[in-house]
Amino acid sequence: MAYLPIEDYGIVGDMYTAALVGKSGSIDWFCFPDFDSPSIFAAILDDEKGGYFRISPASPVRHKQSYWPDTNVLITRFLSADGAAEIVDFMPVGKKADPVVHDLVRHVHVIRGSVKFLMECKPAFNYARDSHRCEIHKEGACFFSERLNLALSTKIPLRKKENHVCAEFQLEEDQTATFYLRDIQSGEECTACPTENQTKLFLKETVDYWHRWLSKCTYSGRWREMVYRSALTLKLLHSQKTGAIIAAPTTSLPEWIGGSRNWDYRYTWIRDAGFTLYALLRIGFKEEAQHFMEWIHNRCKELEPDGSLQTMYAIDGHHTLTEEILSHLEGYAGSRPVRIGNDAYRQMQLDIYGELMDAVYLFDKYTFPISYDLWIHIRRLLNWVCRNWHRKDDGIWEVRSGPQHFVYSKLMCWVALDRGLRLATKRSLPADWDFWIKSRDQLFEEIMANGWNRKRKAFVQSYGSSSLDAANLIMPLVFFLSPRDPRYLHTLRAIRRPPKNGGLTSDSLVYRYNVDLSPDGLSGTEGSFNMCSFWLVEALTRAGDLKRARIIFEKMLHYANHLGLYAEETGPSGEALGNFPQGFTHVSLISAAFNLDRQLSKKTGG
């Protein structure tokens, strides 16, 4: 089986886990029962060993994919002269859905003509490391492994093939077939496949759930459809169990085909907090913001002995995310290594305190006041920032070339103290005023003195460097500088130049930094960073260049896949690169759309 392009996938889920469904009708990535559980299907990382659950017509067809309007119910259509058919993939959610059971439902329906299908369910437990046995039962098939047992319930006769099952079946117009995949206890047999009416009820409840949830969205601007899809995607990345929001549901999808920049993103970064909360609150999703803030509060209760936070945590909050290489998997299209875990949790990244405090400040402003217990932890954190902001760190981009004085890290330390002071003033909370004010002001003056490169006329990546960093686009977004400050406008112009002229922007696509000029301790190269491209849109918006901001934004919308989903990066041919779908990209899209639309409406009086 050849590898599908990363952009040829859609996603379904139930806020506990998620599956990637290809245009071909194959589920090639599915971890169970949680986002960060070992995979059951991982053909996207090894098309021979990884495992998959494929349903597709026996004869060549054209493929189409779309979502049921305003939901996360995915429809994959197969079109040919002989017939037209579709698979409706979803994970049930809604009032009747059992919170303990996480079914994956595949409902096949022939719309016109007659279509012969081939089905193959080939699980590969624990990243294809655990063996299992397969049993055929009256109601389907069961797969028993050391740690997990699955049942595939269906009324279609199944045939055992080695340790997996397959089937051939033909459906006429208006006929249907359903496949339910769920976990079972050891020794348990398949339960009866739900009837057609039961399946329709589950589908209706799921559709209704998504419609009710999306009705809370307050955005009604020019890019409503893309904002809705981004919101729905973020909701799929939100853990119903803990409130955490993962960066992406995948691991090791490469930032360059054949390269080694392959990371596990099934965790929650503290950095994401501010940006995610801002996006959710701006478009009306206060409940998710509150749930996420509860997760943040719990992490603040678990500070390191010196009073610091980790860069990232597991969904359930555990701290140790030891990186491991799965050498038996070849990686997406041969992109080795495949990694699980992420050693970036060991790094010191000073910027996370700024994003965290911005999140706390926004939450206090737009929902309800934070508790005194949380303030106690925040006060300790801010004192840690005052004592440590002068240190080198590994930076937002998690370089592995050694610590530096990254300008963005210093900037976000300034944000941390600024938001802490604002919050203390607004709420009359006890604070270490002299310590915080002195440190904040020292940070500002040091950034202006050491972060500014007079020769380049731009803020650069690190002290003494001449290399640019797209993270510095954030400066006016966090109110460090006026968006029309001459130094910032010079930086903006420098970043907007093409890479061949020393900049970071190729048309509308922005690279986070130049890997040739800023060695990061990793081999190979990478694509442009979608989040940074949307940051550029927002920076231009705040600088008043609405015409250029809108053009770049519209161009960026064309780099979404057929479903409106984005990976982390975009390659030179417009292909998706990196883990998929990537929450940070969708967060930055929402923020850019909200602010650009608001400024355009002010200009036109709309």
Foldseek 3Di string as FASTA:
>chain_A
DAADFPLQWAWAFDLFDIWTAGLQQKTQWTAPDGLQHATFHHCLQPVPQRWIKHKHFPDDFDWDKEADPLASWIKIWTDDPQFIKIWTWYWFDFDPDDPVKTKTKIKIATAAHKTKMKIWGTTQTRRNPWDWAKDADCQAIKIDTPPWIKGKGWNFDWDDDGRIIMHIDMDGHGDMIMIMMITDDPPDYDDHDDDPVVVVVRVVRRVVVSVVLLVQFQDDFDPVRLLSLLVNVQSRQARPVQLAGWQFSDWFFFLDQQEARTGGGQWHFLLVQQLQLVLCLLGGNLVSLVSNVVNVLVQLVVADPLLHGFGIAHSNRDQFFDKDWPVVTLTRNNHDTTIGGDPSRVWDQLLSLLSNLSNQLVSCVRPNHDDPSSVVSLQSHLVVLLVPVVDFTCYPVNFPPDTAAFLSSLLSNLNNLVSNVVSCVVVVNDHPPVSSVVSSVVSLVCCVVFQADPVQLARDGGGPAPWHFLSVLCCVVSPSDQLQDSSNVSHLVQQCDPVVVRHADDQLFGARIDCVRPPRNGDDDGAGFLLSSLSNLQSCLSNVVLVSSVVSLVVSQVLNRPHSFAAGGAHPVSGGGHHTRGSSNSSSNSVSSSSSRVSVCVVVVD
